[in-house]
Amino acid sequence: MVEQTFIDEFFIAIKGKWKGKGVDSIIVNVYGPHTDPNKQKLWSSLDKFIGTYDLDWVLCGDFNEVRDSSERQNCEFIAKRVEWFNKFIDKSNLFDVPMGGKRFMKFCDNGVKFSKFDRFLVSEKFRATWGDLSMLALKRKMSDHCPIVLRDMVLDFGPKPMKVFDEWFYSKDASKIIEECWSCAYDGNRKDCSFRNKLKKVKFALKGWSKQTFGNLDSEIDALMKSAPEWAAIAETR
């Protein structure tokens, strides 16, 4: 439940309680500046802000800075900026949540330059509340940044009941199949069963049509998805 909001030049924050926990917390979303004066201004503002509330803190976003040289590749490394950033983290007693999945989150110049700008910084009180934490870098799509997720457990709801591809909805054949399946009548008085049966009929009809029209898309996508991390890993090391 959100109780209060804060807006700064380089970050926005909300204060409230975690649903199910009832713990007072502040979440800060940061977008780090590029120039030295503004970087120092941001670290000073955040340090002062954190000192005003003895609560659970979470800072996240694109800090536009790294903690050491290993977090940049084929990019300019400026030691004094790293020193400022690390001093802010130490002074504010923040914990840098370890990352899994990837080494870098930002990719520039068609995959030639790599940086770890995105991260989660949390307070010791937040760690005590939630226990073991980890940060996961997800697959990058349109953005030059990988999305990041903070987690204290891994949830698996099993396979999806059906995959739907946007390309289907540009086809008149697919629309016709859906209309024909949905217009079929089903015996019985239970509307929920009728609804379920119509969905099943649409599902199998579309799967058959898709395989006949486009081939085995799942196999093609799996092959491409498996090769993408290999090329990304190679790019990170040379």
C-alpha atoms as a PDB file:
ATOM      1  CA  MET A   1       0.000   0.000   0.000  1.00  0.00           C
ATOM      2  CA  VAL A   2       1.519   3.293  -1.118  1.00  0.00           C
ATOM      3  CA  GLU A   3       1.514   6.022   1.526  1.00  0.00           C
ATOM      4  CA  GLN A   4       3.825   8.677   0.117  1.00  0.00           C
ATOM      5  CA  THR A   5       5.769   9.518  -3.047  1.00  0.00           C
ATOM      6  CA  PHE A   6       9.030  11.411  -3.586  1.00  0.00           C
ATOM      7  CA  ILE A   7      10.356  12.911  -6.818  1.00  0.00           C
ATOM      8  CA  ASP A   8      13.940  13.998  -7.386  1.00  0.00           C
ATOM      9  CA  GLU A   9      15.846  15.050 -10.481  1.00  0.00           C
ATOM     10  CA  PHE A  10      17.364  11.579 -10.910  1.00  0.00           C
ATOM     11  CA  PHE A  11      15.063   9.238  -8.982  1.00  0.00           C
ATOM     12  CA  ILE A  12      11.501   8.624  -7.892  1.00  0.00           C
ATOM     13  CA  ALA A  13      10.499   6.798  -4.704  1.00  0.00           C
ATOM     14  CA  ILE A  14       7.424   5.418  -2.992  1.00  0.00           C
ATOM     15  CA  LYS A  15       6.920   4.746   0.708  1.00  0.00           C
ATOM     16  CA  GLY A  16       4.418   2.181   1.908  1.00  0.00           C
ATOM     17  CA  LYS A  17       3.844  -1.317   3.267  1.00  0.00           C
ATOM     18  CA  TRP A  18       4.551  -4.653   1.583  1.00  0.00           C
ATOM     19  CA  LYS A  19       1.351  -6.581   0.956  1.00  0.00           C
ATOM     20  CA  GLY A  20       1.274  -9.677   3.145  1.00  0.00           C
ATOM     21  CA  LYS A  21       4.232  -8.471   5.239  1.00  0.00           C
ATOM     22  CA  GLY A  22       3.016  -5.163   6.641  1.00  0.00           C
ATOM     23  CA  VAL A  23       6.602  -3.897   6.685  1.00  0.00           C
ATOM     24  CA  ASP A  24       7.279  -0.182   6.151  1.00  0.00           C
ATOM     25  CA  SER A  25       9.544   0.164   3.137  1.00  0.00           C
ATOM     26  CA  ILE A  26      10.775   2.631   0.541  1.00  0.00           C
ATOM     27  CA  ILE A  27      11.446   1.652  -3.069  1.00  0.00           C
ATOM     28  CA  VAL A  28      13.610   3.992  -5.147  1.00  0.00           C
ATOM     29  CA  ASN A  29      13.862   3.821  -8.931  1.00  0.00           C
ATOM     30  CA  VAL A  30      17.099   5.435 -10.116  1.00  0.00           C
ATOM     31  CA  TYR A  31      18.199   6.709 -13.498  1.00  0.00           C
ATOM     32  CA  GLY A  32      21.828   7.726 -13.127  1.00  0.00           C
ATOM     33  CA  PRO A  33      23.181  10.849 -14.851  1.00  0.00           C
ATOM     34  CA  HIS A  34      26.222  10.946 -17.131  1.00  0.00           C
ATOM     35  CA  THR A  35      28.237  13.950 -15.932  1.00  0.00           C
ATOM     36  CA  ASP A  36      30.535  13.997 -12.899  1.00  0.00           C
ATOM     37  CA  PRO A  37      28.798  16.871 -11.033  1.00  0.00           C
ATOM     38  CA  ASN A  38      25.391  15.242 -11.437  1.00  0.00           C
ATOM     39  CA  LYS A  39      26.707  11.845 -10.360  1.00  0.00           C
ATOM     40  CA  GLN A  40      28.067  13.323  -7.142  1.00  0.00           C
ATOM     41  CA  LYS A  41      24.807  15.212  -6.664  1.00  0.00           C
ATOM     42  CA  LEU A  42      22.808  11.977  -7.004  1.00  0.00           C
ATOM     43  CA  TRP A  43      24.921   9.999  -4.514  1.00  0.00           C
ATOM     44  CA  SER A  44      24.737  12.852  -2.013  1.00  0.00           C
ATOM     45  CA  SER A  45      20.960  13.206  -2.408  1.00  0.00           C
ATOM     46  CA  LEU A  46      20.369   9.479  -2.000  1.00  0.00           C
ATOM     47  CA  ASP A  47      22.635   9.231   1.040  1.00  0.00           C
ATOM     48  CA  LYS A  48      20.779  12.099   2.701  1.00  0.00           C
ATOM     49  CA  PHE A  49      17.398  10.635   1.755  1.00  0.00           C
ATOM     50  CA  ILE A  50      18.242   7.204   3.179  1.00  0.00           C
ATOM     51  CA  GLY A  51      19.354   8.805   6.442  1.00  0.00           C
ATOM     52  CA  THR A  52      15.902  10.311   7.021  1.00  0.00           C
ATOM     53  CA  TYR A  53      14.019   6.994   7.386  1.00  0.00           C
ATOM     54  CA  ASP A  54      14.967   3.914   9.397  1.00  0.00           C
ATOM     55  CA  LEU A  55      13.028   1.544   7.125  1.00  0.00           C
ATOM     56  CA  ASP A  56      13.528  -1.288   4.657  1.00  0.00           C
ATOM     57  CA  TRP A  57      15.141   0.210   1.539  1.00  0.00           C
ATOM     58  CA  VAL A  58      15.287  -1.022  -2.061  1.00  0.00           C
ATOM     59  CA  LEU A  59      17.144   0.987  -4.714  1.00  0.00           C
ATOM     60  CA  CYS A  60      16.939  -0.255  -8.268  1.00  0.00           C
ATOM     61  CA  GLY A  61      17.319   0.861 -11.854  1.00  0.00           C
ATOM     62  CA  ASP A  62      20.007   2.089 -14.205  1.00  0.00           C
ATOM     63  CA  PHE A  63      22.676   3.661 -11.994  1.00  0.00           C
ATOM     64  CA  ASN A  64      24.823   4.386 -15.056  1.00  0.00           C
ATOM     65  CA  GLU A  65      27.894   3.357 -13.087  1.00  0.00           C
ATOM     66  CA  VAL A  66      29.866   0.214 -12.268  1.00  0.00           C
ATOM     67  CA  ARG A  67      31.634  -0.992  -9.120  1.00  0.00           C
ATOM     68  CA  ASP A  68      34.869  -2.263 -10.688  1.00  0.00           C
ATOM     69  CA  SER A  69      36.549  -2.801 -14.046  1.00  0.00           C
ATOM     70  CA  SER A  70      35.107  -6.318 -14.471  1.00  0.00           C
ATOM     71  CA  GLU A  71      31.645  -4.792 -14.917  1.00  0.00           C
ATOM     72  CA  ARG A  72      32.606  -3.092 -18.189  1.00  0.00           C
ATOM     73  CA  GLN A  73      33.984  -4.502 -21.411  1.00  0.00           C
ATOM     74  CA  ASN A  74      35.270  -2.560 -24.404  1.00  0.00           C
ATOM     75  CA  CYS A  75      34.085   0.609 -22.630  1.00  0.00           C
ATOM     76  CA  GLU A  76      35.798   3.570 -21.006  1.00  0.00           C
ATOM     77  CA  PHE A  77      36.558   2.944 -17.318  1.00  0.00           C
ATOM     78  CA  ILE A  78      36.866   5.995 -15.046  1.00  0.00           C
ATOM     79  CA  ALA A  79      38.221   5.031 -11.616  1.00  0.00           C
ATOM     80  CA  LYS A  80      37.140   8.177  -9.748  1.00  0.00           C
ATOM     81  CA  ARG A  81      33.494   7.619 -10.700  1.00  0.00           C
ATOM     82  CA  VAL A  82      33.687   4.041  -9.438  1.00  0.00           C
ATOM     83  CA  GLU A  83      35.202   5.295  -6.186  1.00  0.00           C
ATOM     84  CA  TRP A  84      32.326   7.754  -5.672  1.00  0.00           C
ATOM     85  CA  PHE A  85      29.750   5.049  -6.312  1.00  0.00           C
ATOM     86  CA  ASN A  86      31.353   2.537  -3.940  1.00  0.00           C
ATOM     87  CA  LYS A  87      31.720   5.149  -1.211  1.00  0.00           C
ATOM     88  CA  PHE A  88      28.010   5.940  -1.478  1.00  0.00           C
ATOM     89  CA  ILE A  89      27.093   2.249  -1.171  1.00  0.00           C
ATOM     90  CA  ASP A  90      29.369   1.730   1.845  1.00  0.00           C
ATOM     91  CA  LYS A  91      28.313   4.929   3.596  1.00  0.00           C
ATOM     92  CA  SER A  92      24.632   4.129   3.142  1.00  0.00           C
ATOM     93  CA  ASN A  93      25.134   0.541   4.394  1.00  0.00           C
ATOM     94  CA  LEU A  94      23.582  -0.953   1.276  1.00  0.00           C
ATOM     95  CA  PHE A  95      23.965  -4.515   0.021  1.00  0.00           C
ATOM     96  CA  ASP A  96      24.597  -5.125  -3.687  1.00  0.00           C
ATOM     97  CA  VAL A  97      22.352  -8.069  -4.559  1.00  0.00           C
ATOM     98  CA  PRO A  98      24.302 -10.730  -6.500  1.00  0.00           C
ATOM     99  CA  MET A  99      23.223 -11.410 -10.059  1.00  0.00           C
ATOM    100  CA  GLY A 100      22.536 -14.632 -11.897  1.00  0.00           C
ATOM    101  CA  GLY A 101      21.937 -15.391 -15.539  1.00  0.00           C
ATOM    102  CA  LYS A 102      24.343 -12.903 -17.133  1.00  0.00           C
ATOM    103  CA  ARG A 103      27.469 -10.836 -16.508  1.00  0.00           C
ATOM    104  CA  PHE A 104      26.208  -7.674 -18.180  1.00  0.00           C
ATOM    105  CA  MET A 105      22.874  -5.916 -18.609  1.00  0.00           C
ATOM    106  CA  LYS A 106      23.559  -3.194 -21.170  1.00  0.00           C
ATOM    107  CA  PHE A 107      24.707  -3.882 -24.716  1.00  0.00           C
ATOM    108  CA  CYS A 108      25.855  -1.121 -27.079  1.00  0.00           C
ATOM    109  CA  ASP A 109      27.192  -0.806 -30.614  1.00  0.00           C
ATOM    110  CA  ASN A 110      25.599  -4.026 -31.866  1.00  0.00           C
ATOM    111  CA  GLY A 111      26.931  -6.158 -29.043  1.00  0.00           C
ATOM    112  CA  VAL A 112      30.486  -4.828 -28.943  1.00  0.00           C
ATOM    113  CA  LYS A 113      30.303  -2.905 -25.653  1.00  0.00           C
ATOM    114  CA  PHE A 114      28.977  -4.369 -22.391  1.00  0.00           C
ATOM    115  CA  SER A 115      28.222  -2.848 -18.976  1.00  0.00           C
ATOM    116  CA  LYS A 116      26.589  -3.759 -15.683  1.00  0.00           C
ATOM    117  CA  PHE A 117      24.696  -0.552 -14.939  1.00  0.00           C
ATOM    118  CA  ASP A 118      21.455  -2.069 -13.646  1.00  0.00           C
ATOM    119  CA  ARG A 119      21.282  -3.497 -10.143  1.00  0.00           C
ATOM    120  CA  PHE A 120      19.404  -3.772  -6.851  1.00  0.00           C
ATOM    121  CA  LEU A 121      20.832  -2.199  -3.687  1.00  0.00           C
ATOM    122  CA  VAL A 122      19.010  -3.098  -0.475  1.00  0.00           C
ATOM    123  CA  SER A 123      19.376  -2.231   3.202  1.00  0.00           C
ATOM    124  CA  GLU A 124      20.311  -4.729   5.899  1.00  0.00           C
ATOM    125  CA  LYS A 125      16.791  -4.423   7.323  1.00  0.00           C
ATOM    126  CA  PHE A 126      15.361  -5.449   3.974  1.00  0.00           C
ATOM    127  CA  ARG A 127      17.676  -8.469   3.844  1.00  0.00           C
ATOM    128  CA  ALA A 128      16.619  -9.461   7.358  1.00  0.00           C
ATOM    129  CA  THR A 129      12.957  -9.266   6.324  1.00  0.00           C
ATOM    130  CA  TRP A 130      13.256 -11.287   3.114  1.00  0.00           C
ATOM    131  CA  GLY A 131      16.231 -13.583   3.673  1.00  0.00           C
ATOM    132  CA  ASP A 132      18.237 -14.867   0.714  1.00  0.00           C
ATOM    133  CA  LEU A 133      17.957 -12.540  -2.267  1.00  0.00           C
ATOM    134  CA  SER A 134      19.198 -12.765  -5.806  1.00  0.00           C
ATOM    135  CA  MET A 135      18.909 -10.686  -8.943  1.00  0.00           C
ATOM    136  CA  LEU A 136      18.069 -12.315 -12.234  1.00  0.00           C
ATOM    137  CA  ALA A 137      18.836 -10.731 -15.599  1.00  0.00           C
ATOM    138  CA  LEU A 138      16.160 -11.723 -18.096  1.00  0.00           C
ATOM    139  CA  LYS A 139      16.412 -12.016 -21.870  1.00  0.00           C
ATOM    140  CA  ARG A 140      16.874  -8.765 -23.725  1.00  0.00           C
ATOM    141  CA  LYS A 141      14.441  -7.963 -26.523  1.00  0.00           C
ATOM    142  CA  MET A 142      13.896  -4.494 -28.026  1.00  0.00           C
ATOM    143  CA  SER A 143      15.793  -2.523 -25.384  1.00  0.00           C
ATOM    144  CA  ASP A 144      19.583  -2.304 -25.097  1.00  0.00           C
ATOM    145  CA  HIS A 145      19.124  -3.250 -21.407  1.00  0.00           C
ATOM    146  CA  CYS A 146      18.185  -6.645 -19.988  1.00  0.00           C
ATOM    147  CA  PRO A 147      15.231  -6.502 -17.578  1.00  0.00           C
ATOM    148  CA  ILE A 148      16.196  -7.385 -14.002  1.00  0.00           C
ATOM    149  CA  VAL A 149      14.131  -9.086 -11.315  1.00  0.00           C
ATOM    150  CA  LEU A 150      14.660  -9.225  -7.544  1.00  0.00           C
ATOM    151  CA  ARG A 151      13.603 -12.544  -6.055  1.00  0.00           C
ATOM    152  CA  ASP A 152      13.707 -14.538  -2.851  1.00  0.00           C
ATOM    153  CA  MET A 153      12.333 -17.727  -4.378  1.00  0.00           C
ATOM    154  CA  VAL A 154      11.748 -19.327  -7.757  1.00  0.00           C
ATOM    155  CA  LEU A 155       8.146 -20.031  -8.727  1.00  0.00           C
ATOM    156  CA  ASP A 156       7.291 -22.448 -11.526  1.00  0.00           C
ATOM    157  CA  PHE A 157       3.673 -22.680 -12.585  1.00  0.00           C
ATOM    158  CA  GLY A 158       4.380 -25.359 -15.198  1.00  0.00           C
ATOM    159  CA  PRO A 159       4.078 -25.218 -18.963  1.00  0.00           C
ATOM    160  CA  LYS A 160       1.733 -22.806 -20.693  1.00  0.00           C
ATOM    161  CA  PRO A 161      -1.497 -24.449 -21.864  1.00  0.00           C
ATOM    162  CA  MET A 162      -1.131 -22.951 -25.340  1.00  0.00           C
ATOM    163  CA  LYS A 163       1.256 -20.720 -27.245  1.00  0.00           C
ATOM    164  CA  VAL A 164      -0.226 -17.931 -29.330  1.00  0.00           C
ATOM    165  CA  PHE A 165       1.768 -16.102 -31.999  1.00  0.00           C
ATOM    166  CA  ASP A 166       0.924 -12.575 -33.091  1.00  0.00           C
ATOM    167  CA  GLU A 167       1.401 -13.580 -36.704  1.00  0.00           C
ATOM    168  CA  TRP A 168      -1.726 -15.723 -36.489  1.00  0.00           C
ATOM    169  CA  PHE A 169      -3.958 -12.685 -36.057  1.00  0.00           C
ATOM    170  CA  TYR A 170      -2.816 -11.189 -39.346  1.00  0.00           C
ATOM    171  CA  SER A 171      -4.197 -14.203 -41.196  1.00  0.00           C
ATOM    172  CA  LYS A 172      -7.796 -14.374 -42.411  1.00  0.00           C
ATOM    173  CA  ASP A 173      -7.573 -18.179 -42.241  1.00  0.00           C
ATOM    174  CA  ALA A 174      -6.892 -18.088 -38.499  1.00  0.00           C
ATOM    175  CA  SER A 175      -9.815 -15.749 -37.892  1.00  0.00           C
ATOM    176  CA  LYS A 176     -12.082 -18.022 -39.893  1.00  0.00           C
ATOM    177  CA  ILE A 177     -10.963 -21.068 -37.895  1.00  0.00           C
ATOM    178  CA  ILE A 178     -11.674 -19.318 -34.596  1.00  0.00           C
ATOM    179  CA  GLU A 179     -15.140 -18.200 -35.734  1.00  0.00           C
ATOM    180  CA  GLU A 180     -16.063 -21.678 -36.964  1.00  0.00           C
ATOM    181  CA  CYS A 181     -14.884 -23.398 -33.773  1.00  0.00           C
ATOM    182  CA  TRP A 182     -16.578 -20.870 -31.518  1.00  0.00           C
ATOM    183  CA  SER A 183     -19.897 -21.113 -33.347  1.00  0.00           C
ATOM    184  CA  CYS A 184     -20.175 -24.860 -32.690  1.00  0.00           C
ATOM    185  CA  ALA A 185     -22.933 -25.800 -30.261  1.00  0.00           C
ATOM    186  CA  TYR A 186     -22.303 -28.161 -27.341  1.00  0.00           C
ATOM    187  CA  ASP A 187     -24.785 -30.330 -25.509  1.00  0.00           C
ATOM    188  CA  GLY A 188     -25.410 -29.883 -21.828  1.00  0.00           C
ATOM    189  CA  ASN A 189     -26.593 -27.139 -19.541  1.00  0.00           C
ATOM    190  CA  ARG A 190     -23.266 -26.220 -17.951  1.00  0.00           C
ATOM    191  CA  LYS A 191     -21.971 -23.102 -19.638  1.00  0.00           C
ATOM    192  CA  ASP A 192     -18.518 -23.484 -18.087  1.00  0.00           C
ATOM    193  CA  CYS A 193     -18.108 -26.886 -19.747  1.00  0.00           C
ATOM    194  CA  SER A 194     -19.285 -25.481 -23.053  1.00  0.00           C
ATOM    195  CA  PHE A 195     -16.765 -22.644 -22.755  1.00  0.00           C
ATOM    196  CA  ARG A 196     -13.963 -25.081 -21.947  1.00  0.00           C
ATOM    197  CA  ASN A 197     -14.816 -27.334 -24.874  1.00  0.00           C
ATOM    198  CA  LYS A 198     -14.863 -24.396 -27.288  1.00  0.00           C
ATOM    199  CA  LEU A 199     -11.420 -23.311 -26.111  1.00  0.00           C
ATOM    200  CA  LYS A 200     -10.082 -26.832 -26.590  1.00  0.00           C
ATOM    201  CA  LYS A 201     -11.517 -26.999 -30.090  1.00  0.00           C
ATOM    202  CA  VAL A 202      -9.964 -23.631 -31.007  1.00  0.00           C
ATOM    203  CA  LYS A 203      -6.636 -24.716 -29.539  1.00  0.00           C
ATOM    204  CA  PHE A 204      -6.299 -27.943 -31.514  1.00  0.00           C
ATOM    205  CA  ALA A 205      -7.627 -26.416 -34.737  1.00  0.00           C
ATOM    206  CA  LEU A 206      -5.127 -23.535 -34.589  1.00  0.00           C
ATOM    207  CA  LYS A 207      -2.223 -25.846 -33.728  1.00  0.00           C
ATOM    208  CA  GLY A 208      -2.966 -28.034 -36.715  1.00  0.00           C
ATOM    209  CA  TRP A 209      -3.376 -25.069 -39.047  1.00  0.00           C
ATOM    210  CA  SER A 210      -0.178 -23.413 -37.762  1.00  0.00           C
ATOM    211  CA  LYS A 211       1.907 -26.548 -38.245  1.00  0.00           C
ATOM    212  CA  GLN A 212       0.601 -26.987 -41.760  1.00  0.00           C
ATOM    213  CA  THR A 213       1.054 -23.290 -42.650  1.00  0.00           C
ATOM    214  CA  PHE A 214       4.287 -22.328 -40.891  1.00  0.00           C
ATOM    215  CA  GLY A 215       5.929 -25.639 -40.082  1.00  0.00           C
ATOM    216  CA  ASN A 216       7.171 -26.562 -36.613  1.00  0.00           C
ATOM    217  CA  LEU A 217       7.598 -23.085 -35.110  1.00  0.00           C
ATOM    218  CA  ASP A 218       8.460 -24.436 -31.658  1.00  0.00           C
ATOM    219  CA  SER A 219      11.487 -26.295 -32.996  1.00  0.00           C
ATOM    220  CA  GLU A 220      12.681 -23.295 -34.991  1.00  0.00           C
ATOM    221  CA  ILE A 221      12.261 -20.941 -32.028  1.00  0.00           C
ATOM    222  CA  ASP A 222      13.979 -23.386 -29.643  1.00  0.00           C
ATOM    223  CA  ALA A 223      16.941 -23.685 -32.005  1.00  0.00           C
ATOM    224  CA  LEU A 224      17.296 -19.905 -32.284  1.00  0.00           C
ATOM    225  CA  MET A 225      16.873 -19.353 -28.546  1.00  0.00           C
ATOM    226  CA  LYS A 226      19.516 -21.974 -27.773  1.00  0.00           C
ATOM    227  CA  SER A 227      22.025 -20.408 -30.143  1.00  0.00           C
ATOM    228  CA  ALA A 228      21.471 -16.817 -28.916  1.00  0.00           C
ATOM    229  CA  PRO A 229      23.063 -17.272 -25.428  1.00  0.00           C
ATOM    230  CA  GLU A 230      26.059 -19.001 -27.018  1.00  0.00           C
ATOM    231  CA  TRP A 231      26.737 -16.024 -29.271  1.00  0.00           C
ATOM    232  CA  ALA A 232      26.133 -13.616 -26.372  1.00  0.00           C
ATOM    233  CA  ALA A 233      28.634 -15.517 -24.214  1.00  0.00           C
ATOM    234  CA  ILE A 234      31.205 -15.432 -27.002  1.00  0.00           C
ATOM    235  CA  ALA A 235      30.680 -11.686 -27.455  1.00  0.00           C
ATOM    236  CA  GLU A 236      31.256 -11.117 -23.718  1.00  0.00           C
ATOM    237  CA  THR A 237      34.668 -12.765 -23.825  1.00  0.00           C
ATOM    238  CA  ARG A 238      36.253 -11.241 -26.908  1.00  0.00           C
END
